[in-house]
């Protein structure tokens, strides 16, 4: 387990320049983890990659646990460029998709996931970006934090499935659809399950929906419903986040235009 105080010092301090320094060590660790997984990362392997002795690394970082903390934050880099603001929903979608791509590039991060990693500057910058997107909805601070956590956990869960599927396909040389297509010995037992049989015969498995996109939209639908219920006195569109004039009479307006209202309706129908 990493020493949190030492990790904080390393994450927020100067990384050094020239010769063997912390920045080079961390980069080598990331390259090794990207190529072979987190289990392959050790102080010895990183030292060999850099052409130094193992003991020379310990002058810069106490051990693997602290090194992984540094690797996580460095891999995050700066927060993703989401372009100009387009409203909370579009920006949250972009943030979630960038997170999925991040895990695809660095699948070892899923192996190091946990609740007690000391965050570094890049981690905090990404969190700040997500908080700013959701805070614009007018939700209460605790709800903003919870929404960011909800989307983040969804992305991490979806990424685990994507990464694991890719890893198995590469290891076995057999694609996901090909593997399931060869399970004839299993399928002959399934006619005893009437609902499954009916769904299959009606084409329910012919063109499966993308799990990530389907799940993300349903998560965002739930957040949108929360905004409608909780932010009744706000004057921001529940779809695009634009400021709208409150209705003079009757129920407060939830959308800035008929186009946004129709967009919300279409999303609920999906």
Protein backbone atom coordinates (compact mmCIF):
# COMPACT_ATOMS: atom_id res chain seq x y z
CA UNK A 1 0.00 0.00 0.00
CA UNK A 2 1.27 3.44 -0.91
CA UNK A 3 2.28 5.96 1.74
CA UNK A 4 -0.33 8.70 1.08
CA UNK A 5 1.87 11.50 2.42
CA UNK A 6 4.79 10.44 0.25
CA UNK A 7 2.50 10.04 -2.78
CA UNK A 8 1.15 13.55 -2.24
CA UNK A 9 4.67 14.95 -2.07
CA UNK A 10 5.68 13.17 -5.27
CA UNK A 11 2.49 13.98 -7.18
CA UNK A 12 2.52 17.68 -6.42
CA UNK A 13 6.28 18.29 -6.38
CA UNK A 14 8.79 18.95 -9.14
CA UNK A 15 9.57 15.92 -11.30
CA UNK A 16 13.15 16.91 -12.19
CA UNK A 17 14.98 17.24 -15.49
CA UNK A 18 17.94 15.47 -17.08
CA UNK A 19 19.49 12.08 -16.31
CA UNK A 20 17.42 9.66 -14.29
CA UNK A 21 14.51 11.59 -12.85
CA UNK A 22 10.99 10.96 -11.65
CA UNK A 23 9.40 11.93 -14.96
CA UNK A 24 11.43 9.37 -16.92
CA UNK A 25 10.71 6.67 -14.35
CA UNK A 26 6.97 7.31 -14.48
CA UNK A 27 6.91 7.36 -18.29
CA UNK A 28 8.78 4.07 -18.41
CA UNK A 29 6.29 2.56 -15.98
CA UNK A 30 3.37 3.68 -18.15
CA UNK A 31 4.96 2.26 -21.30
CA UNK A 32 5.54 -1.06 -19.56
CA UNK A 33 1.99 -1.19 -18.18
CA UNK A 34 0.47 -0.28 -21.56
CA UNK A 35 2.44 -3.07 -23.23
CA UNK A 36 2.21 -5.86 -20.65
CA UNK A 37 -0.27 -4.88 -17.94
CA UNK A 38 0.17 -3.60 -14.41
CA UNK A 39 1.41 -6.96 -13.10
CA UNK A 40 4.51 -6.58 -15.28
CA UNK A 41 5.47 -3.31 -13.61
CA UNK A 42 8.14 -3.64 -10.96
CA UNK A 43 10.99 -1.45 -9.86
CA UNK A 44 13.39 -3.94 -11.43
CA UNK A 45 11.62 -4.01 -14.81
CA UNK A 46 11.36 -0.22 -14.95
CA UNK A 47 15.04 0.12 -14.06
CA UNK A 48 16.00 -2.34 -16.79
CA UNK A 49 13.91 -0.42 -19.31
CA UNK A 50 15.80 2.76 -18.44
CA UNK A 51 19.23 1.11 -18.26
CA UNK A 52 19.77 1.76 -14.56
CA UNK A 53 20.06 -0.37 -11.45
CA UNK A 54 16.98 -1.04 -9.35
CA UNK A 55 18.46 0.73 -6.34
CA UNK A 56 18.94 3.92 -8.34
CA UNK A 57 15.16 4.21 -8.73
CA UNK A 58 14.59 4.21 -4.99
CA UNK A 59 16.31 7.58 -4.72
CA UNK A 60 13.34 9.02 -6.62
CA UNK A 61 10.33 6.91 -5.63
CA UNK A 62 9.88 4.68 -2.54
CA UNK A 63 8.29 1.72 -4.30
CA UNK A 64 5.78 0.36 -6.79
CA UNK A 65 2.68 1.58 -4.94
CA UNK A 66 3.79 5.21 -5.08
CA UNK A 67 4.97 4.71 -8.66
CA UNK A 68 1.50 3.53 -9.68
CA UNK A 69 -0.05 6.64 -8.09
CA UNK A 70 2.27 8.75 -10.24
CA UNK A 71 1.58 6.67 -13.34
CA UNK A 72 -2.17 7.10 -12.92
CA UNK A 73 -1.99 10.86 -12.70
CA UNK A 74 0.53 11.23 -15.52
CA UNK A 75 -1.53 8.99 -17.82
CA UNK A 76 -4.50 11.24 -17.24
CA UNK A 77 -2.54 14.13 -18.71
CA UNK A 78 -4.59 17.27 -18.94
CA UNK A 79 -8.38 17.24 -18.97
CA UNK A 80 -9.87 16.29 -22.36
CA UNK A 81 -10.70 19.09 -24.78
CA UNK A 82 -14.48 18.98 -24.99
CA UNK A 83 -14.72 22.05 -27.21
CA UNK A 84 -17.02 25.00 -26.51
CA UNK A 85 -19.81 24.39 -23.97
CA UNK A 86 -22.89 22.82 -25.55
CA UNK A 87 -25.00 22.23 -22.46
CA UNK A 88 -24.66 19.84 -19.56
CA UNK A 89 -25.92 16.75 -21.40
CA UNK A 90 -23.75 17.04 -24.50
CA UNK A 91 -20.71 17.94 -22.42
CA UNK A 92 -21.30 15.04 -20.02
CA UNK A 93 -21.61 12.67 -22.99
CA UNK A 94 -18.30 13.93 -24.36
CA UNK A 95 -16.64 13.60 -20.95
CA UNK A 96 -17.92 10.02 -20.57
CA UNK A 97 -16.77 8.98 -24.05
CA UNK A 98 -13.34 10.48 -23.47
CA UNK A 99 -13.16 8.42 -20.27
CA UNK A 100 -13.93 5.21 -22.14
CA UNK A 101 -11.23 5.95 -24.71
CA UNK A 102 -8.81 6.71 -21.90
CA UNK A 103 -9.35 3.25 -20.39
CA UNK A 104 -8.94 1.68 -23.83
CA UNK A 105 -5.54 3.35 -24.18
CA UNK A 106 -4.48 2.45 -20.64
CA UNK A 107 -6.42 -0.68 -19.60
CA UNK A 108 -4.07 -1.28 -16.67
CA UNK A 109 -5.76 1.61 -14.88
CA UNK A 110 -8.74 -0.65 -14.28
CA UNK A 111 -6.42 -3.04 -12.45
CA UNK A 112 -5.32 -0.25 -10.12
CA UNK A 113 -8.79 1.19 -9.50
CA UNK A 114 -9.68 1.83 -5.89
CA UNK A 115 -11.16 4.35 -3.49
CA UNK A 116 -7.97 5.47 -1.73
CA UNK A 117 -5.64 6.68 -4.44
CA UNK A 118 -4.09 10.04 -3.67
CA UNK A 119 -5.18 12.36 -6.52
CA UNK A 120 -2.62 14.44 -8.36
CA UNK A 121 -2.98 17.66 -10.38
CA UNK A 122 -4.29 15.91 -13.50
CA UNK A 123 -6.83 13.86 -11.56
CA UNK A 124 -8.11 16.95 -9.79
CA UNK A 125 -8.27 18.90 -13.08
CA UNK A 126 -10.45 16.20 -14.63
CA UNK A 127 -12.69 16.15 -11.57
CA UNK A 128 -12.95 19.94 -11.67
CA UNK A 129 -13.99 19.79 -15.32
CA UNK A 130 -16.75 17.28 -14.61
CA UNK A 131 -17.98 19.21 -11.57
CA UNK A 132 -18.18 22.43 -13.59
CA UNK A 133 -20.29 20.73 -16.26
CA UNK A 134 -22.82 19.33 -13.80
CA UNK A 135 -22.82 22.35 -11.47
CA UNK A 136 -24.18 24.45 -14.34
CA UNK A 137 -27.47 22.53 -14.04
CA UNK A 138 -28.27 24.17 -10.72
CA UNK A 139 -28.31 20.93 -8.74
CA UNK A 140 -27.31 21.08 -5.09
CA UNK A 141 -23.57 20.57 -4.38
CA UNK A 142 -24.04 17.08 -2.94
CA UNK A 143 -26.09 16.11 -5.98
CA UNK A 144 -23.41 17.47 -8.32
CA UNK A 145 -20.79 15.28 -6.66
CA UNK A 146 -23.12 12.26 -6.76
CA UNK A 147 -23.92 12.76 -10.45
CA UNK A 148 -20.24 12.99 -11.39
CA UNK A 149 -19.59 9.83 -9.40
CA UNK A 150 -22.52 8.05 -11.05
CA UNK A 151 -21.30 8.80 -14.57
CA UNK A 152 -17.72 7.99 -13.65
CA UNK A 153 -18.67 4.61 -12.18
CA UNK A 154 -20.77 3.80 -15.24
CA UNK A 155 -17.85 4.56 -17.55
CA UNK A 156 -15.47 2.45 -15.46
CA UNK A 157 -17.90 -0.48 -15.44
CA UNK A 158 -18.46 -0.29 -19.19
CA UNK A 159 -14.72 -0.01 -19.79
CA UNK A 160 -14.08 -3.19 -17.81
CA UNK A 161 -16.31 -5.16 -20.16
CA UNK A 162 -14.75 -3.60 -23.28
CA UNK A 163 -11.19 -4.15 -22.06
CA UNK A 164 -11.83 -7.71 -20.89
CA UNK A 165 -13.51 -8.65 -24.18
CA UNK A 166 -10.60 -7.22 -26.16
CA UNK A 167 -8.05 -8.96 -23.95
CA UNK A 168 -9.73 -12.37 -24.34
CA UNK A 169 -10.07 -11.97 -28.11
CA UNK A 170 -6.38 -11.14 -28.45
CA UNK A 171 -5.31 -14.01 -26.21
CA UNK A 172 -7.48 -16.67 -27.87
CA UNK A 173 -7.72 -15.35 -31.42
CA UNK A 174 -11.49 -15.97 -31.27
CA UNK A 175 -13.92 -13.08 -31.61
CA UNK A 176 -16.83 -12.54 -29.22
CA UNK A 177 -19.54 -13.35 -31.79
CA UNK A 178 -17.57 -16.31 -33.11
CA UNK A 179 -17.25 -17.79 -29.62
CA UNK A 180 -20.97 -17.52 -28.89
CA UNK A 181 -21.83 -18.80 -32.36
CA UNK A 182 -20.03 -22.06 -31.58
CA UNK A 183 -22.09 -22.84 -28.46
CA UNK A 184 -24.53 -25.26 -30.13
CA UNK A 185 -24.30 -27.67 -27.20
CA UNK A 186 -25.66 -24.91 -24.96
CA UNK A 187 -28.41 -23.67 -27.25
CA UNK A 188 -30.10 -27.06 -27.49
CA UNK A 189 -31.03 -26.73 -23.81
CA UNK A 190 -32.56 -23.27 -24.00
CA UNK A 191 -35.98 -24.08 -25.45
CA UNK A 192 -37.22 -24.70 -21.90
CA UNK A 193 -37.03 -20.92 -21.30
CA UNK A 194 -40.04 -19.43 -23.12
CA UNK A 195 -39.25 -15.73 -22.75
CA UNK A 196 -35.67 -16.17 -23.88
CA UNK A 197 -36.85 -18.29 -26.81
CA UNK A 198 -39.45 -15.73 -27.88
CA UNK A 199 -36.99 -12.83 -27.65
CA UNK A 200 -34.48 -14.81 -29.70
CA UNK A 201 -37.02 -15.79 -32.36
CA UNK A 202 -38.23 -12.19 -32.65
CA UNK A 203 -34.70 -11.01 -33.42
CA UNK A 204 -33.77 -9.61 -30.03
CA UNK A 205 -30.16 -10.74 -30.42
CA UNK A 206 -29.77 -10.07 -34.15
CA UNK A 207 -28.70 -6.44 -33.90
CA UNK A 208 -27.75 -5.78 -30.26
CA UNK A 209 -27.67 -2.20 -29.07
CA UNK A 210 -24.30 -0.78 -28.14
CA UNK A 211 -24.14 -1.37 -24.35
CA UNK A 212 -22.13 1.77 -23.64
CA UNK A 213 -24.23 4.16 -25.72
CA UNK A 214 -27.53 2.66 -24.55
CA UNK A 215 -26.47 2.71 -20.92
CA UNK A 216 -25.02 6.21 -21.09
CA UNK A 217 -28.23 7.64 -22.53
CA UNK A 218 -30.31 5.96 -19.83
CA UNK A 219 -28.02 7.34 -17.12
CA UNK A 220 -28.32 10.82 -18.62
CA UNK A 221 -32.10 10.44 -18.86
CA UNK A 222 -32.17 9.78 -15.13
CA UNK A 223 -30.01 12.84 -14.44
CA UNK A 224 -32.25 14.93 -16.67
CA UNK A 225 -35.29 13.77 -14.69
CA UNK A 226 -33.50 14.72 -11.46
CA UNK A 227 -32.81 18.18 -12.83
CA UNK A 228 -36.46 18.64 -13.80
CA UNK A 229 -37.59 17.59 -10.33
CA UNK A 230 -34.99 19.44 -8.28
CA UNK A 231 -34.32 22.64 -10.19
CA UNK A 232 -37.83 23.94 -10.70
CA UNK A 233 -36.95 27.54 -9.94
CA UNK A 234 -33.91 27.64 -12.21
CA UNK A 235 -33.99 29.16 -15.65
CA UNK A 236 -31.74 26.75 -17.54
CA UNK A 237 -32.86 24.38 -20.25
CA UNK A 238 -32.84 20.75 -19.05
CA UNK A 239 -31.38 19.65 -22.40
CA UNK A 240 -28.84 22.26 -23.51
CA UNK A 241 -28.35 24.24 -20.29
CA UNK A 242 -29.12 27.61 -21.87
CA UNK A 243 -30.69 30.30 -19.72
CA UNK A 244 -34.44 30.60 -20.34
CA UNK A 245 -37.03 33.07 -19.17
CA UNK A 246 -39.32 31.66 -16.48
CA UNK A 247 -42.96 31.19 -17.40
CA UNK A 248 -45.20 33.99 -16.18
CA UNK A 249 -47.97 31.57 -15.24
CA UNK A 250 -48.38 27.85 -14.82
CA UNK A 251 -45.66 25.28 -14.59
CA UNK A 252 -42.03 26.45 -14.98
CA UNK A 253 -40.52 25.85 -18.40
CA UNK A 254 -38.03 23.00 -18.60
CA UNK A 255 -36.77 23.68 -22.13
CA UNK A 256 -35.58 26.78 -23.93
CA UNK A 257 -37.21 25.87 -27.24
CA UNK A 258 -39.53 23.41 -28.91
CA UNK A 259 -36.47 21.82 -30.53
CA UNK A 260 -35.00 20.95 -27.12
CA UNK A 261 -38.39 19.73 -25.92
CA UNK A 262 -38.67 17.42 -28.93
CA UNK A 263 -35.09 16.23 -28.44
CA UNK A 264 -35.89 15.30 -24.84
CA UNK A 265 -39.03 13.48 -25.97
CA UNK A 266 -37.10 11.48 -28.59
CA UNK A 267 -34.52 10.46 -26.00
CA UNK A 268 -37.21 9.17 -23.69
CA UNK A 269 -38.68 7.14 -26.55
CA UNK A 270 -35.37 5.37 -27.32
